[in-house]
Amino acid sequence: MSNPVGWFEIYVQDMNRAKAFYESVFGVQLSRLEGPGMEMWGFPMGAEGYGASGALVKMPGFPSGGNSVLVYFSCADCAAEASKVVKAGGSLQKEKMSIGQYGFIALAVDTEGNMIGLHSMQ
């Protein structure tokens, strides 16, 4: 198994608010995906790229926040994305910090109460 994560979903309550947060912090456009009984907006995907893609999901009966899975987004310098979190409506849980030979991380909470990780090698 070369890359154990194949897909991720971040559950949200307010799709417009969550979509604006992620597009603002990461400078990307999310795309509408079709899903039965749910609203999904996918992050940019490229089969030739490294890592897994995923989507924001709004589904009746599946609340946001309080989850025990942490998704890390790859960044060139995680401090850049961390600096956009508060302005985009989220909060910064942990500013950029070293994790030794594995680079740097920052932890943020999105507008829906989900904690996400930011990772970079610089």
PDB file of N, CA and C in Angstrom:
ATOM      1  N   MET A   1       0.852  -1.167   0.000  1.00  0.00           N
ATOM      2  CA  MET A   1       0.000   0.000   0.000  1.00  0.00           C
ATOM      3  C   MET A   1       0.899   1.232   0.000  1.00  0.00           C
ATOM      4  N   SER A   2       0.924   1.973  -1.098  1.00  0.00           N
ATOM      5  CA  SER A   2       1.808   3.130  -1.198  1.00  0.00           C
ATOM      6  C   SER A   2       1.244   4.373  -0.524  1.00  0.00           C
ATOM      7  N   ASN A   3      -0.049   4.592  -0.607  1.00  0.00           N
ATOM      8  CA  ASN A   3      -0.678   5.744   0.040  1.00  0.00           C
ATOM      9  C   ASN A   3      -1.973   5.249   0.678  1.00  0.00           C
ATOM     10  N   PRO A   4      -1.988   5.090   2.009  1.00  0.00           N
ATOM     11  CA  PRO A   4      -3.137   4.468   2.654  1.00  0.00           C
ATOM     12  C   PRO A   4      -4.429   5.279   2.624  1.00  0.00           C
ATOM     13  N   VAL A   5      -4.367   6.582   2.398  1.00  0.00           N
ATOM     14  CA  VAL A   5      -5.586   7.392   2.355  1.00  0.00           C
ATOM     15  C   VAL A   5      -5.997   7.577   0.899  1.00  0.00           C
ATOM     16  N   GLY A   6      -7.207   7.153   0.573  1.00  0.00           N
ATOM     17  CA  GLY A   6      -7.682   7.270  -0.797  1.00  0.00           C
ATOM     18  C   GLY A   6      -8.686   8.392  -1.005  1.00  0.00           C
ATOM     19  N   TRP A   7      -9.321   8.866   0.060  1.00  0.00           N
ATOM     20  CA  TRP A   7     -10.367   9.888  -0.050  1.00  0.00           C
ATOM     21  C   TRP A   7     -10.661  10.415   1.343  1.00  0.00           C
ATOM     22  N   PHE A   8     -11.105  11.645   1.469  1.00  0.00           N
ATOM     23  CA  PHE A   8     -11.555  12.159   2.761  1.00  0.00           C
ATOM     24  C   PHE A   8     -12.819  12.978   2.570  1.00  0.00           C
ATOM     25  N   GLU A   9     -13.606  13.061   3.624  1.00  0.00           N
ATOM     26  CA  GLU A   9     -14.800  13.892   3.639  1.00  0.00           C
ATOM     27  C   GLU A   9     -14.810  14.708   4.916  1.00  0.00           C
ATOM     28  N   ILE A  10     -15.126  15.988   4.788  1.00  0.00           N
ATOM     29  CA  ILE A  10     -15.248  16.891   5.927  1.00  0.00           C
ATOM     30  C   ILE A  10     -16.719  17.285   6.007  1.00  0.00           C
ATOM     31  N   TYR A  11     -17.384  16.849   7.059  1.00  0.00           N
ATOM     32  CA  TYR A  11     -18.810  17.108   7.189  1.00  0.00           C
ATOM     33  C   TYR A  11     -19.069  18.520   7.703  1.00  0.00           C
ATOM     34  N   VAL A  12     -20.081  19.165   7.133  1.00  0.00           N
ATOM     35  CA  VAL A  12     -20.376  20.564   7.413  1.00  0.00           C
ATOM     36  C   VAL A  12     -21.869  20.748   7.675  1.00  0.00           C
ATOM     37  N   GLN A  13     -22.212  21.850   8.328  1.00  0.00           N
ATOM     38  CA  GLN A  13     -23.607  22.222   8.546  1.00  0.00           C
ATOM     39  C   GLN A  13     -24.033  23.326   7.584  1.00  0.00           C
ATOM     40  N   ASP A  14     -23.147  24.281   7.330  1.00  0.00           N
ATOM     41  CA  ASP A  14     -23.434  25.414   6.455  1.00  0.00           C
ATOM     42  C   ASP A  14     -22.458  25.347   5.282  1.00  0.00           C
ATOM     43  N   MET A  15     -22.921  24.802   4.152  1.00  0.00           N
ATOM     44  CA  MET A  15     -22.033  24.561   3.010  1.00  0.00           C
ATOM     45  C   MET A  15     -21.448  25.850   2.457  1.00  0.00           C
ATOM     46  N   ASN A  16     -22.237  26.900   2.322  1.00  0.00           N
ATOM     47  CA  ASN A  16     -21.707  28.153   1.771  1.00  0.00           C
ATOM     48  C   ASN A  16     -20.587  28.703   2.650  1.00  0.00           C
ATOM     49  N   ARG A  17     -20.786  28.689   3.948  1.00  0.00           N
ATOM     50  CA  ARG A  17     -19.776  29.182   4.890  1.00  0.00           C
ATOM     51  C   ARG A  17     -18.521  28.312   4.832  1.00  0.00           C
ATOM     52  N   ALA A  18     -18.678  26.997   4.854  1.00  0.00           N
ATOM     53  CA  ALA A  18     -17.528  26.083   4.824  1.00  0.00           C
ATOM     54  C   ALA A  18     -16.775  26.191   3.499  1.00  0.00           C
ATOM     55  N   LYS A  19     -17.503  26.255   2.405  1.00  0.00           N
ATOM     56  CA  LYS A  19     -16.887  26.367   1.079  1.00  0.00           C
ATOM     57  C   LYS A  19     -16.064  27.658   0.986  1.00  0.00           C
ATOM     58  N   ALA A  20     -16.614  28.759   1.471  1.00  0.00           N
ATOM     59  CA  ALA A  20     -15.887  30.037   1.458  1.00  0.00           C
ATOM     60  C   ALA A  20     -14.616  29.949   2.303  1.00  0.00           C
ATOM     61  N   PHE A  21     -14.688  29.278   3.456  1.00  0.00           N
ATOM     62  CA  PHE A  21     -13.525  29.116   4.327  1.00  0.00           C
ATOM     63  C   PHE A  21     -12.395  28.379   3.598  1.00  0.00           C
ATOM     64  N   TYR A  22     -12.672  27.195   3.065  1.00  0.00           N
ATOM     65  CA  TYR A  22     -11.628  26.385   2.423  1.00  0.00           C
ATOM     66  C   TYR A  22     -11.100  27.033   1.143  1.00  0.00           C
ATOM     67  N   GLU A  23     -11.978  27.657   0.360  1.00  0.00           N
ATOM     68  CA  GLU A  23     -11.509  28.335  -0.849  1.00  0.00           C
ATOM     69  C   GLU A  23     -10.615  29.512  -0.490  1.00  0.00           C
ATOM     70  N   SER A  24     -10.931  30.229   0.578  1.00  0.00           N
ATOM     71  CA  SER A  24     -10.145  31.382   1.003  1.00  0.00           C
ATOM     72  C   SER A  24      -8.786  30.964   1.572  1.00  0.00           C
ATOM     73  N   VAL A  25      -8.778  29.983   2.458  1.00  0.00           N
ATOM     74  CA  VAL A  25      -7.530  29.564   3.106  1.00  0.00           C
ATOM     75  C   VAL A  25      -6.566  28.933   2.109  1.00  0.00           C
ATOM     76  N   PHE A  26      -7.063  28.076   1.216  1.00  0.00           N
ATOM     77  CA  PHE A  26      -6.185  27.342   0.304  1.00  0.00           C
ATOM     78  C   PHE A  26      -6.109  27.914  -1.105  1.00  0.00           C
ATOM     79  N   GLY A  27      -6.875  28.959  -1.391  1.00  0.00           N
ATOM     80  CA  GLY A  27      -6.804  29.584  -2.714  1.00  0.00           C
ATOM     81  C   GLY A  27      -7.206  28.637  -3.837  1.00  0.00           C
ATOM     82  N   VAL A  28      -8.261  27.837  -3.615  1.00  0.00           N
ATOM     83  CA  VAL A  28      -8.729  26.876  -4.614  1.00  0.00           C
ATOM     84  C   VAL A  28     -10.209  27.085  -4.885  1.00  0.00           C
ATOM     85  N   GLN A  29     -10.695  26.503  -5.968  1.00  0.00           N
ATOM     86  CA  GLN A  29     -12.114  26.480  -6.295  1.00  0.00           C
ATOM     87  C   GLN A  29     -12.612  25.062  -6.077  1.00  0.00           C
ATOM     88  N   LEU A  30     -13.629  24.882  -5.251  1.00  0.00           N
ATOM     89  CA  LEU A  30     -14.232  23.568  -5.064  1.00  0.00           C
ATOM     90  C   LEU A  30     -15.261  23.350  -6.161  1.00  0.00           C
ATOM     91  N   SER A  31     -15.434  22.088  -6.563  1.00  0.00           N
ATOM     92  CA  SER A  31     -16.351  21.734  -7.646  1.00  0.00           C
ATOM     93  C   SER A  31     -17.502  20.891  -7.120  1.00  0.00           C
ATOM     94  N   ARG A  32     -18.687  21.160  -7.616  1.00  0.00           N
ATOM     95  CA  ARG A  32     -19.887  20.413  -7.206  1.00  0.00           C
ATOM     96  C   ARG A  32     -19.744  18.955  -7.638  1.00  0.00           C
ATOM     97  N   LEU A  33     -20.004  18.022  -6.716  1.00  0.00           N
ATOM     98  CA  LEU A  33     -20.001  16.592  -6.997  1.00  0.00           C
ATOM     99  C   LEU A  33     -21.406  16.060  -6.772  1.00  0.00           C
ATOM    100  N   GLU A  34     -21.773  15.037  -7.503  1.00  0.00           N
ATOM    101  CA  GLU A  34     -23.099  14.446  -7.354  1.00  0.00           C
ATOM    102  C   GLU A  34     -23.051  13.344  -6.307  1.00  0.00           C
ATOM    103  N   GLY A  35     -23.985  13.381  -5.384  1.00  0.00           N
ATOM    104  CA  GLY A  35     -24.093  12.346  -4.356  1.00  0.00           C
ATOM    105  C   GLY A  35     -25.540  12.190  -3.956  1.00  0.00           C
ATOM    106  N   PRO A  36     -26.005  10.963  -3.794  1.00  0.00           N
ATOM    107  CA  PRO A  36     -27.416  10.752  -3.450  1.00  0.00           C
ATOM    108  C   PRO A  36     -27.725  11.201  -2.023  1.00  0.00           C
ATOM    109  N   GLY A  37     -28.666  12.130  -1.880  1.00  0.00           N
ATOM    110  CA  GLY A  37     -29.100  12.587  -0.566  1.00  0.00           C
ATOM    111  C   GLY A  37     -28.104  13.440   0.174  1.00  0.00           C
ATOM    112  N   MET A  38     -27.133  13.997  -0.529  1.00  0.00           N
ATOM    113  CA  MET A  38     -26.126  14.827   0.120  1.00  0.00           C
ATOM    114  C   MET A  38     -25.622  15.890  -0.846  1.00  0.00           C
ATOM    115  N   GLU A  39     -25.097  16.963  -0.286  1.00  0.00           N
ATOM    116  CA  GLU A  39     -24.461  18.014  -1.077  1.00  0.00           C
ATOM    117  C   GLU A  39     -22.966  17.861  -0.894  1.00  0.00           C
ATOM    118  N   MET A  40     -22.226  17.771  -2.008  1.00  0.00           N
ATOM    119  CA  MET A  40     -20.781  17.570  -1.942  1.00  0.00           C
ATOM    120  C   MET A  40     -20.059  18.574  -2.849  1.00  0.00           C
ATOM    121  N   TRP A  41     -18.977  19.146  -2.313  1.00  0.00           N
ATOM    122  CA  TRP A  41     -18.113  20.040  -3.079  1.00  0.00           C
ATOM    123  C   TRP A  41     -16.690  19.525  -2.943  1.00  0.00           C
ATOM    124  N   GLY A  42     -16.097  19.105  -4.072  1.00  0.00           N
ATOM    125  CA  GLY A  42     -14.791  18.463  -4.072  1.00  0.00           C
ATOM    126  C   GLY A  42     -13.632  19.428  -4.193  1.00  0.00           C
ATOM    127  N   PHE A  43     -12.550  19.063  -3.526  1.00  0.00           N
ATOM    128  CA  PHE A  43     -11.290  19.775  -3.682  1.00  0.00           C
ATOM    129  C   PHE A  43     -10.700  19.417  -5.043  1.00  0.00           C
ATOM    130  N   PRO A  44      -9.805  20.254  -5.597  1.00  0.00           N
ATOM    131  CA  PRO A  44      -9.195  19.921  -6.880  1.00  0.00           C
ATOM    132  C   PRO A  44      -8.573  18.528  -6.835  1.00  0.00           C
ATOM    133  N   MET A  45      -8.754  17.783  -7.914  1.00  0.00           N
ATOM    134  CA  MET A  45      -8.267  16.411  -7.971  1.00  0.00           C
ATOM    135  C   MET A  45      -7.379  16.226  -9.186  1.00  0.00           C
ATOM    136  N   GLY A  46      -6.330  15.460  -9.022  1.00  0.00           N
ATOM    137  CA  GLY A  46      -5.456  15.101 -10.126  1.00  0.00           C
ATOM    138  C   GLY A  46      -4.927  13.704  -9.884  1.00  0.00           C
ATOM    139  N   ALA A  47      -5.240  12.772 -10.759  1.00  0.00           N
ATOM    140  CA  ALA A  47      -4.816  11.385 -10.578  1.00  0.00           C
ATOM    141  C   ALA A  47      -3.296  11.246 -10.555  1.00  0.00           C
ATOM    142  N   GLU A  48      -2.596  12.158 -11.229  1.00  0.00           N
ATOM    143  CA  GLU A  48      -1.136  12.075 -11.291  1.00  0.00           C
ATOM    144  C   GLU A  48      -0.454  12.721 -10.091  1.00  0.00           C
ATOM    145  N   GLY A  49      -1.210  13.437  -9.254  1.00  0.00           N
ATOM    146  CA  GLY A  49      -0.639  14.151  -8.112  1.00  0.00           C
ATOM    147  C   GLY A  49      -0.468  13.277  -6.892  1.00  0.00           C
ATOM    148  N   TYR A  50       0.305  13.772  -5.942  1.00  0.00           N
ATOM    149  CA  TYR A  50       0.556  13.073  -4.692  1.00  0.00           C
ATOM    150  C   TYR A  50      -0.583  13.321  -3.715  1.00  0.00           C
ATOM    151  N   GLY A  51      -0.937  12.335  -2.936  1.00  0.00           N
ATOM    152  CA  GLY A  51      -1.922  12.516  -1.882  1.00  0.00           C
ATOM    153  C   GLY A  51      -3.329  12.151  -2.304  1.00  0.00           C
ATOM    154  N   ALA A  52      -4.250  12.354  -1.391  1.00  0.00           N
ATOM    155  CA  ALA A  52      -5.651  12.002  -1.609  1.00  0.00           C
ATOM    156  C   ALA A  52      -6.490  13.256  -1.739  1.00  0.00           C
ATOM    157  N   SER A  53      -7.546  13.158  -2.510  1.00  0.00           N
ATOM    158  CA  SER A  53      -8.485  14.260  -2.603  1.00  0.00           C
ATOM    159  C   SER A  53      -9.703  13.937  -1.760  1.00  0.00           C
ATOM    160  N   GLY A  54     -10.604  14.906  -1.674  1.00  0.00           N
ATOM    161  CA  GLY A  54     -11.796  14.707  -0.863  1.00  0.00           C
ATOM    162  C   GLY A  54     -12.790  15.810  -1.101  1.00  0.00           C
ATOM    163  N   ALA A  55     -13.787  15.882  -0.224  1.00  0.00           N
ATOM    164  CA  ALA A  55     -14.877  16.823  -0.429  1.00  0.00           C
ATOM    165  C   ALA A  55     -15.457  17.309   0.886  1.00  0.00           C
ATOM    166  N   LEU A  56     -16.105  18.474   0.828  1.00  0.00           N
ATOM    167  CA  LEU A  56     -16.978  18.934   1.901  1.00  0.00           C
ATOM    168  C   LEU A  56     -18.314  18.244   1.662  1.00  0.00           C
ATOM    169  N   VAL A  57     -18.950  17.754   2.725  1.00  0.00           N
ATOM    170  CA  VAL A  57     -20.199  17.011   2.579  1.00  0.00           C
ATOM    171  C   VAL A  57     -21.226  17.518   3.580  1.00  0.00           C
ATOM    172  N   LYS A  58     -22.442  17.767   3.092  1.00  0.00           N
ATOM    173  CA  LYS A  58     -23.569  18.096   3.959  1.00  0.00           C
ATOM    174  C   LYS A  58     -24.604  16.996   3.753  1.00  0.00           C
ATOM    175  N   MET A  59     -24.832  16.208   4.830  1.00  0.00           N
ATOM    176  CA  MET A  59     -25.748  15.082   4.746  1.00  0.00           C
ATOM    177  C   MET A  59     -26.612  15.051   6.001  1.00  0.00           C
ATOM    178  N   PRO A  60     -27.922  14.936   5.833  1.00  0.00           N
ATOM    179  CA  PRO A  60     -28.802  14.856   6.999  1.00  0.00           C
ATOM    180  C   PRO A  60     -28.364  13.728   7.938  1.00  0.00           C
ATOM    181  N   GLY A  61     -28.298  14.041   9.232  1.00  0.00           N
ATOM    182  CA  GLY A  61     -27.952  13.041  10.224  1.00  0.00           C
ATOM    183  C   GLY A  61     -26.471  12.885  10.503  1.00  0.00           C
ATOM    184  N   PHE A  62     -25.619  13.615   9.792  1.00  0.00           N
ATOM    185  CA  PHE A  62     -24.184  13.541  10.010  1.00  0.00           C
ATOM    186  C   PHE A  62     -23.671  14.923  10.398  1.00  0.00           C
ATOM    187  N   PRO A  63     -23.508  15.182  11.693  1.00  0.00           N
ATOM    188  CA  PRO A  63     -23.081  16.510  12.146  1.00  0.00           C
ATOM    189  C   PRO A  63     -21.602  16.767  11.892  1.00  0.00           C
ATOM    190  N   SER A  64     -21.231  18.017  11.899  1.00  0.00           N
ATOM    191  CA  SER A  64     -19.827  18.403  11.764  1.00  0.00           C
ATOM    192  C   SER A  64     -19.208  18.545  13.149  1.00  0.00           C
ATOM    193  N   GLY A  65     -17.888  18.659  13.195  1.00  0.00           N
ATOM    194  CA  GLY A  65     -17.176  18.863  14.456  1.00  0.00           C
ATOM    195  C   GLY A  65     -17.207  17.636  15.346  1.00  0.00           C
ATOM    196  N   GLY A  66     -16.341  17.638  16.349  1.00  0.00           N
ATOM    197  CA  GLY A  66     -16.323  16.566  17.320  1.00  0.00           C
ATOM    198  C   GLY A  66     -15.808  15.242  16.790  1.00  0.00           C
ATOM    199  N   ASN A  67     -15.234  15.249  15.608  1.00  0.00           N
ATOM    200  CA  ASN A  67     -14.751  13.997  15.044  1.00  0.00           C
ATOM    201  C   ASN A  67     -13.347  13.671  15.555  1.00  0.00           C
ATOM    202  N   SER A  68     -12.943  12.428  15.396  1.00  0.00           N
ATOM    203  CA  SER A  68     -11.641  12.016  15.913  1.00  0.00           C
ATOM    204  C   SER A  68     -10.629  11.758  14.807  1.00  0.00           C
ATOM    205  N   VAL A  69     -10.910  12.149  13.589  1.00  0.00           N
ATOM    206  CA  VAL A  69      -9.984  11.984  12.473  1.00  0.00           C
ATOM    207  C   VAL A  69      -9.459  13.356  12.087  1.00  0.00           C
ATOM    208  N   LEU A  70      -8.153  13.462  11.915  1.00  0.00           N
ATOM    209  CA  LEU A  70      -7.549  14.743  11.557  1.00  0.00           C
ATOM    210  C   LEU A  70      -6.961  14.644  10.155  1.00  0.00           C
ATOM    211  N   VAL A  71      -7.436  15.488   9.247  1.00  0.00           N
ATOM    212  CA  VAL A  71      -6.947  15.536   7.878  1.00  0.00           C
ATOM    213  C   VAL A  71      -5.882  16.619   7.799  1.00  0.00           C
ATOM    214  N   TYR A  72      -4.713  16.284   7.246  1.00  0.00           N
ATOM    215  CA  TYR A  72      -3.648  17.259   7.032  1.00  0.00           C
ATOM    216  C   TYR A  72      -3.620  17.652   5.570  1.00  0.00           C
ATOM    217  N   PHE A  73      -3.613  18.961   5.317  1.00  0.00           N
ATOM    218  CA  PHE A  73      -3.479  19.499   3.973  1.00  0.00           C
ATOM    219  C   PHE A  73      -2.015  19.838   3.736  1.00  0.00           C
ATOM    220  N   SER A  74      -1.470  19.411   2.594  1.00  0.00           N
ATOM    221  CA  SER A  74      -0.082  19.715   2.244  1.00  0.00           C
ATOM    222  C   SER A  74       0.034  21.158   1.777  1.00  0.00           C
ATOM    223  N   CYS A  75       1.055  21.844   2.239  1.00  0.00           N
ATOM    224  CA  CYS A  75       1.287  23.251   1.915  1.00  0.00           C
ATOM    225  C   CYS A  75       2.772  23.450   1.601  1.00  0.00           C
ATOM    226  N   ALA A  76       3.110  24.492   0.871  1.00  0.00           N
ATOM    227  CA  ALA A  76       4.510  24.833   0.656  1.00  0.00           C
ATOM    228  C   ALA A  76       5.120  25.328   1.965  1.00  0.00           C
ATOM    229  N   ASP A  77       4.399  26.204   2.652  1.00  0.00           N
ATOM    230  CA  ASP A  77       4.789  26.714   3.974  1.00  0.00           C
ATOM    231  C   ASP A  77       3.504  26.879   4.764  1.00  0.00           C
ATOM    232  N   CYS A  78       3.269  25.997   5.722  1.00  0.00           N
ATOM    233  CA  CYS A  78       1.977  25.979   6.425  1.00  0.00           C
ATOM    234  C   CYS A  78       1.667  27.289   7.147  1.00  0.00           C
ATOM    235  N   ALA A  79       2.659  28.117   7.398  1.00  0.00           N
ATOM    236  CA  ALA A  79       2.411  29.413   8.031  1.00  0.00           C
ATOM    237  C   ALA A  79       1.571  30.313   7.124  1.00  0.00           C
ATOM    238  N   ALA A  80       1.724  30.164   5.802  1.00  0.00           N
ATOM    239  CA  ALA A  80       0.963  30.998   4.865  1.00  0.00           C
ATOM    240  C   ALA A  80      -0.528  30.705   4.971  1.00  0.00           C
ATOM    241  N   GLU A  81      -0.908  29.432   4.938  1.00  0.00           N
ATOM    242  CA  GLU A  81      -2.315  29.079   5.066  1.00  0.00           C
ATOM    243  C   GLU A  81      -2.829  29.370   6.478  1.00  0.00           C
ATOM    244  N   ALA A  82      -2.016  29.115   7.483  1.00  0.00           N
ATOM    245  CA  ALA A  82      -2.415  29.390   8.874  1.00  0.00           C
ATOM    246  C   ALA A  82      -2.749  30.868   9.057  1.00  0.00           C
ATOM    247  N   SER A  83      -2.029  31.738   8.355  1.00  0.00           N
ATOM    248  CA  SER A  83      -2.269  33.177   8.488  1.00  0.00           C
ATOM    249  C   SER A  83      -3.617  33.600   7.904  1.00  0.00           C
ATOM    250  N   LYS A  84      -4.257  32.757   7.108  1.00  0.00           N
ATOM    251  CA  LYS A  84      -5.541  33.083   6.483  1.00  0.00           C
ATOM    252  C   LYS A  84      -6.741  32.540   7.258  1.00  0.00           C
ATOM    253  N   VAL A  85      -6.504  31.663   8.211  1.00  0.00           N
ATOM    254  CA  VAL A  85      -7.580  30.941   8.894  1.00  0.00           C
ATOM    255  C   VAL A  85      -8.549  31.860   9.625  1.00  0.00           C
ATOM    256  N   VAL A  86      -8.062  32.756  10.460  1.00  0.00           N
ATOM    257  CA  VAL A  86      -8.936  33.621  11.261  1.00  0.00           C
ATOM    258  C   VAL A  86      -9.737  34.562  10.365  1.00  0.00           C
ATOM    259  N   LYS A  87      -9.088  35.143   9.365  1.00  0.00           N
ATOM    260  CA  LYS A  87      -9.775  36.049   8.440  1.00  0.00           C
ATOM    261  C   LYS A  87     -10.891  35.325   7.685  1.00  0.00           C
ATOM    262  N   ALA A  88     -10.716  34.011   7.456  1.00  0.00           N
ATOM    263  CA  ALA A  88     -11.715  33.226   6.740  1.00  0.00           C
ATOM    264  C   ALA A  88     -12.819  32.712   7.661  1.00  0.00           C
ATOM    265  N   GLY A  89     -12.764  33.055   8.958  1.00  0.00           N
ATOM    266  CA  GLY A  89     -13.832  32.692   9.883  1.00  0.00           C
ATOM    267  C   GLY A  89     -13.528  31.528  10.808  1.00  0.00           C
ATOM    268  N   GLY A  90     -12.333  30.949  10.699  1.00  0.00           N
ATOM    269  CA  GLY A  90     -11.952  29.844  11.569  1.00  0.00           C
ATOM    270  C   GLY A  90     -11.127  30.333  12.747  1.00  0.00           C
ATOM    271  N   SER A  91     -10.484  29.401  13.435  1.00  0.00           N
ATOM    272  CA  SER A  91      -9.593  29.771  14.532  1.00  0.00           C
ATOM    273  C   SER A  91      -8.330  28.924  14.449  1.00  0.00           C
ATOM    274  N   LEU A  92      -7.250  29.482  14.947  1.00  0.00           N
ATOM    275  CA  LEU A  92      -5.965  28.790  14.929  1.00  0.00           C
ATOM    276  C   LEU A  92      -5.769  28.112  16.279  1.00  0.00           C
ATOM    277  N   GLN A  93      -5.679  26.813  16.265  1.00  0.00           N
ATOM    278  CA  GLN A  93      -5.501  26.024  17.481  1.00  0.00           C
ATOM    279  C   GLN A  93      -4.031  25.987  17.896  1.00  0.00           C
ATOM    280  N   LYS A  94      -3.141  25.839  16.906  1.00  0.00           N
ATOM    281  CA  LYS A  94      -1.701  25.751  17.169  1.00  0.00           C
ATOM    282  C   LYS A  94      -0.965  26.372  15.991  1.00  0.00           C
ATOM    283  N   GLU A  95      -0.176  27.397  16.263  1.00  0.00           N
ATOM    284  CA  GLU A  95       0.602  28.032  15.199  1.00  0.00           C
ATOM    285  C   GLU A  95       1.660  27.079  14.677  1.00  0.00           C
ATOM    286  N   LYS A  96       2.271  27.440  13.561  1.00  0.00           N
ATOM    287  CA  LYS A  96       3.299  26.610  12.941  1.00  0.00           C
ATOM    288  C   LYS A  96       4.339  26.191  13.974  1.00  0.00           C
ATOM    289  N   MET A  97       4.617  24.872  13.976  1.00  0.00           N
ATOM    290  CA  MET A  97       5.630  24.348  14.887  1.00  0.00           C
ATOM    291  C   MET A  97       6.392  23.227  14.192  1.00  0.00           C
ATOM    292  N   SER A  98       7.611  23.027  14.610  1.00  0.00           N
ATOM    293  CA  SER A  98       8.455  21.993  14.030  1.00  0.00           C
ATOM    294  C   SER A  98       8.048  20.613  14.539  1.00  0.00           C
ATOM    295  N   ILE A  99       8.089  19.644  13.642  1.00  0.00           N
ATOM    296  CA  ILE A  99       7.947  18.244  14.034  1.00  0.00           C
ATOM    297  C   ILE A  99       9.219  17.489  13.614  1.00  0.00           C
ATOM    298  N   GLY A 100      10.343  18.205  13.751  1.00  0.00           N
ATOM    299  CA  GLY A 100      11.650  17.620  13.470  1.00  0.00           C
ATOM    300  C   GLY A 100      11.865  17.314  12.000  1.00  0.00           C
ATOM    301  N   GLN A 101      12.406  16.158  11.735  1.00  0.00           N
ATOM    302  CA  GLN A 101      12.748  15.783  10.358  1.00  0.00           C
ATOM    303  C   GLN A 101      11.526  15.657   9.454  1.00  0.00           C
ATOM    304  N   TYR A 102      10.331  15.671  10.036  1.00  0.00           N
ATOM    305  CA  TYR A 102       9.101  15.528   9.252  1.00  0.00           C
ATOM    306  C   TYR A 102       8.486  16.863   8.841  1.00  0.00           C
ATOM    307  N   GLY A 103       9.165  17.958   9.148  1.00  0.00           N
ATOM    308  CA  GLY A 103       8.710  19.266   8.700  1.00  0.00           C
ATOM    309  C   GLY A 103       8.017  20.076   9.780  1.00  0.00           C
ATOM    310  N   PHE A 104       6.905  20.695   9.390  1.00  0.00           N
ATOM    311  CA  PHE A 104       6.186  21.620  10.267  1.00  0.00           C
ATOM    312  C   PHE A 104       4.685  21.385  10.136  1.00  0.00           C
ATOM    313  N   ILE A 105       3.966  21.683  11.211  1.00  0.00           N
ATOM    314  CA  ILE A 105       2.508  21.611  11.173  1.00  0.00           C
ATOM    315  C   ILE A 105       1.905  22.828  11.867  1.00  0.00           C
ATOM    316  N   ALA A 106       0.660  23.095  11.531  1.00  0.00           N
ATOM    317  CA  ALA A 106      -0.180  24.050  12.248  1.00  0.00           C
ATOM    318  C   ALA A 106      -1.552  23.388  12.337  1.00  0.00           C
ATOM    319  N   LEU A 107      -2.303  23.701  13.382  1.00  0.00           N
ATOM    320  CA  LEU A 107      -3.634  23.130  13.556  1.00  0.00           C
ATOM    321  C   LEU A 107      -4.665  24.251  13.571  1.00  0.00           C
ATOM    322  N   ALA A 108      -5.749  24.057  12.822  1.00  0.00           N
ATOM    323  CA  ALA A 108      -6.788  25.067  12.705  1.00  0.00           C
ATOM    324  C   ALA A 108      -8.155  24.418  12.896  1.00  0.00           C
ATOM    325  N   VAL A 109      -9.139  25.244  13.260  1.00  0.00           N
ATOM    326  CA  VAL A 109     -10.528  24.800  13.361  1.00  0.00           C
ATOM    327  C   VAL A 109     -11.317  25.587  12.321  1.00  0.00           C
ATOM    328  N   ASP A 110     -12.051  24.862  11.469  1.00  0.00           N
ATOM    329  CA  ASP A 110     -12.800  25.532  10.403  1.00  0.00           C
ATOM    330  C   ASP A 110     -14.093  26.143  10.944  1.00  0.00           C
ATOM    331  N   THR A 111     -14.887  26.704  10.066  1.00  0.00           N
ATOM    332  CA  THR A 111     -16.125  27.378  10.454  1.00  0.00           C
ATOM    333  C   THR A 111     -17.189  26.412  10.955  1.00  0.00           C
ATOM    334  N   GLU A 112     -16.986  25.114  10.760  1.00  0.00           N
ATOM    335  CA  GLU A 112     -17.962  24.106  11.150  1.00  0.00           C
ATOM    336  C   GLU A 112     -17.562  23.341  12.407  1.00  0.00           C
ATOM    337  N   GLY A 113     -16.431  23.721  13.016  1.00  0.00           N
ATOM    338  CA  GLY A 113     -15.966  23.052  14.227  1.00  0.00           C
ATOM    339  C   GLY A 113     -15.046  21.871  13.996  1.00  0.00           C
ATOM    340  N   ASN A 114     -14.629  21.649  12.742  1.00  0.00           N
ATOM    341  CA  ASN A 114     -13.719  20.557  12.415  1.00  0.00           C
ATOM    342  C   ASN A 114     -12.271  21.018  12.548  1.00  0.00           C
ATOM    343  N   MET A 115     -11.444  20.241  13.255  1.00  0.00           N
ATOM    344  CA  MET A 115     -10.025  20.559  13.296  1.00  0.00           C
ATOM    345  C   MET A 115      -9.355  19.984  12.068  1.00  0.00           C
ATOM    346  N   ILE A 116      -8.482  20.767  11.445  1.00  0.00           N
ATOM    347  CA  ILE A 116      -7.694  20.314  10.289  1.00  0.00           C
ATOM    348  C   ILE A 116      -6.228  20.596  10.570  1.00  0.00           C
ATOM    349  N   GLY A 117      -5.372  19.855   9.913  1.00  0.00           N
ATOM    350  CA  GLY A 117      -3.942  20.064  10.022  1.00  0.00           C
ATOM    351  C   GLY A 117      -3.382  20.658   8.751  1.00  0.00           C
ATOM    352  N   LEU A 118      -2.342  21.457   8.898  1.00  0.00           N
ATOM    353  CA  LEU A 118      -1.600  22.024   7.781  1.00  0.00           C
ATOM    354  C   LEU A 118      -0.178  21.490   7.913  1.00  0.00           C
ATOM    355  N   HIS A 119       0.395  20.952   6.844  1.00  0.00           N
ATOM    356  CA  HIS A 119       1.730  20.367   6.907  1.00  0.00           C
ATOM    357  C   HIS A 119       2.600  20.915   5.785  1.00  0.00           C
ATOM    358  N   SER A 120       3.858  21.198   6.119  1.00  0.00           N
ATOM    359  CA  SER A 120       4.827  21.602   5.110  1.00  0.00           C
ATOM    360  C   SER A 120       6.212  21.134   5.529  1.00  0.00           C
ATOM    361  N   MET A 121       7.119  21.094   4.585  1.00  0.00           N
ATOM    362  CA  MET A 121       8.508  20.719   4.888  1.00  0.00           C
ATOM    363  C   MET A 121       9.347  21.944   5.179  1.00  0.00           C
ATOM    364  N   GLN A 122       8.824  23.136   4.957  1.00  0.00           N
ATOM    365  CA  GLN A 122       9.575  24.357   5.302  1.00  0.00           C
ATOM    366  C   GLN A 122       8.788  25.233   6.248  1.00  0.00           C
TER     367      GLN A 122
END
